[in-house]
Amino acid sequence: QVQLVESGGGLVQPGGSLRLSCVASGMKFRFDDMEWYRQVPGAQLEFVASIGFSSGLKTTYAESVKGRFTISSDNGASTMDLQMDKLQAEDTAVYYCSARDIITRYWGQGTQVTVSS
């Protein structure tokens, strides 16, 4: 059974940085891609960033985080990180790790990121 566990969330001041990590276990197939999403209460799930392993580690970012966030991975083996710099209050949300293999998409439990002074 595939499990994704996020870590690294917390409280940070505006302009600060955090690094989120996602560790996968129980995989039977290599992931095709891994992604970060975020959600604030009452709002829809929002795409943040993705990294594709069948396309030479191609990365994609939401416009709202482009230039501030960096996604990285060990080429789909089991880990993925999200380096978040120049954080803004609007980045406050629960961040979810997601991964897709040939069977289905998997989700982590989420980690809270709060940007506040």
Protein backbone atom coordinates (compact mmCIF):
# COMPACT_ATOMS: atom_id res chain seq x y z
CA GLN A 1 0.00 0.00 0.00
CA VAL A 2 1.48 3.30 -1.10
CA GLN A 3 1.79 5.94 1.61
CA LEU A 4 2.90 9.54 1.25
CA VAL A 5 3.99 11.47 4.33
CA GLU A 6 4.60 15.21 4.27
CA SER A 7 6.75 17.14 6.73
CA GLY A 8 8.30 20.56 7.13
CA GLY A 9 5.25 22.75 7.59
CA GLY A 10 5.00 25.38 10.28
CA LEU A 11 4.71 29.06 11.08
CA VAL A 12 6.94 31.53 9.26
CA GLN A 13 7.02 35.30 8.90
CA PRO A 14 6.31 36.97 5.55
CA GLY A 15 9.43 36.91 3.42
CA GLY A 16 10.71 33.78 5.12
CA SER A 17 11.38 30.29 3.82
CA LEU A 18 10.23 26.74 4.48
CA ARG A 19 11.14 23.42 2.93
CA LEU A 20 8.48 20.75 2.64
CA SER A 21 9.35 17.11 2.14
CA CYS A 22 7.30 14.15 0.98
CA VAL A 23 8.46 10.59 1.54
CA ALA A 24 6.78 7.68 -0.22
CA SER A 25 6.72 4.05 0.84
CA GLY A 26 5.09 0.84 -0.28
CA MET A 27 5.50 1.53 -4.00
CA LYS A 28 5.13 -1.35 -6.48
CA PHE A 29 5.57 0.81 -9.57
CA ARG A 30 7.75 3.80 -10.33
CA PHE A 31 5.93 7.13 -10.11
CA ASP A 32 5.22 8.93 -13.38
CA ASP A 33 5.03 12.28 -11.64
CA MET A 34 4.74 13.90 -8.23
CA GLU A 35 2.95 17.11 -7.38
CA TRP A 36 2.24 19.58 -4.60
CA TYR A 37 -1.22 21.01 -4.04
CA ARG A 38 -2.57 23.32 -1.38
CA GLN A 39 -5.94 24.15 0.08
CA VAL A 40 -7.38 26.79 2.35
CA PRO A 41 -10.63 26.20 4.24
CA GLY A 42 -13.66 26.73 2.04
CA ALA A 43 -11.64 26.86 -1.17
CA GLN A 44 -10.84 24.34 -3.89
CA LEU A 45 -7.65 22.40 -4.03
CA GLU A 46 -5.02 24.46 -5.85
CA PHE A 47 -2.16 23.09 -7.95
CA VAL A 48 1.24 24.37 -6.79
CA ALA A 49 3.98 22.49 -8.64
CA SER A 50 4.76 19.24 -10.39
CA ILE A 51 7.76 17.22 -11.51
CA GLY A 52 7.58 14.61 -14.25
CA PHE A 53 9.89 11.63 -14.34
CA SER A 54 9.18 10.41 -17.86
CA SER A 55 10.10 13.81 -19.28
CA GLY A 56 13.57 14.38 -17.89
CA LEU A 57 12.42 15.86 -14.58
CA LYS A 58 10.28 18.53 -16.24
CA THR A 59 8.89 20.95 -13.66
CA THR A 60 5.73 23.04 -13.79
CA TYR A 61 4.60 25.78 -11.41
CA ALA A 62 1.47 27.74 -10.70
CA GLU A 63 1.87 31.38 -11.71
CA SER A 64 1.36 32.45 -8.11
CA VAL A 65 4.50 30.63 -6.92
CA LYS A 66 6.73 30.81 -10.00
CA GLY A 67 10.14 32.24 -9.11
CA ARG A 68 9.60 31.68 -5.37
CA PHE A 69 9.08 27.90 -5.04
CA THR A 70 11.33 25.13 -6.30
CA ILE A 71 10.28 21.49 -6.61
CA SER A 72 12.84 18.70 -6.61
CA SER A 73 12.95 14.92 -6.36
CA ASP A 74 15.24 11.91 -6.35
CA ASN A 75 13.94 11.03 -9.82
CA GLY A 76 10.78 9.41 -8.56
CA ALA A 77 12.40 6.93 -6.27
CA SER A 78 10.67 7.96 -3.09
CA THR A 79 11.14 11.59 -2.09
CA MET A 80 10.09 15.04 -3.24
CA ASP A 81 10.80 18.45 -1.76
CA LEU A 82 9.32 21.91 -2.15
CA GLN A 83 11.60 24.81 -1.29
CA MET A 84 9.42 27.82 -0.58
CA ASP A 85 11.08 31.23 -0.46
CA LYS A 86 9.73 34.76 -0.15
CA LEU A 87 6.61 33.40 1.49
CA GLN A 88 3.52 35.57 1.56
CA ALA A 89 0.38 35.50 3.69
CA GLU A 90 -1.46 34.21 0.63
CA ASP A 91 0.67 31.06 0.75
CA THR A 92 -0.99 30.01 4.01
CA ALA A 93 -2.69 26.65 3.40
CA VAL A 94 -2.51 22.93 3.98
CA TYR A 95 -0.01 21.54 1.50
CA TYR A 96 -0.54 18.06 0.06
CA CYS A 97 1.89 15.74 -1.64
CA SER A 98 0.53 13.67 -4.53
CA ALA A 99 2.06 11.00 -6.72
CA ARG A 100 0.82 9.05 -9.75
CA ASP A 101 1.81 5.64 -11.03
CA ILE A 102 0.27 3.47 -13.76
CA ILE A 103 -2.51 2.41 -11.38
CA THR A 104 -3.80 5.54 -9.69
CA ARG A 105 -2.95 8.82 -7.92
CA TYR A 106 -2.03 8.83 -4.25
CA TRP A 107 -2.32 11.59 -1.66
CA GLY A 108 -0.65 12.44 1.62
CA GLN A 109 -2.37 13.73 4.74
CA GLY A 110 -1.12 17.27 4.34
CA THR A 111 1.05 19.67 6.32
CA GLN A 112 0.01 23.12 7.51
CA VAL A 113 1.94 26.17 6.36
CA THR A 114 1.10 29.46 8.05
CA VAL A 115 2.68 32.72 6.96
CA SER A 116 2.04 35.42 9.52
CA SER A 117 3.82 38.14 11.44
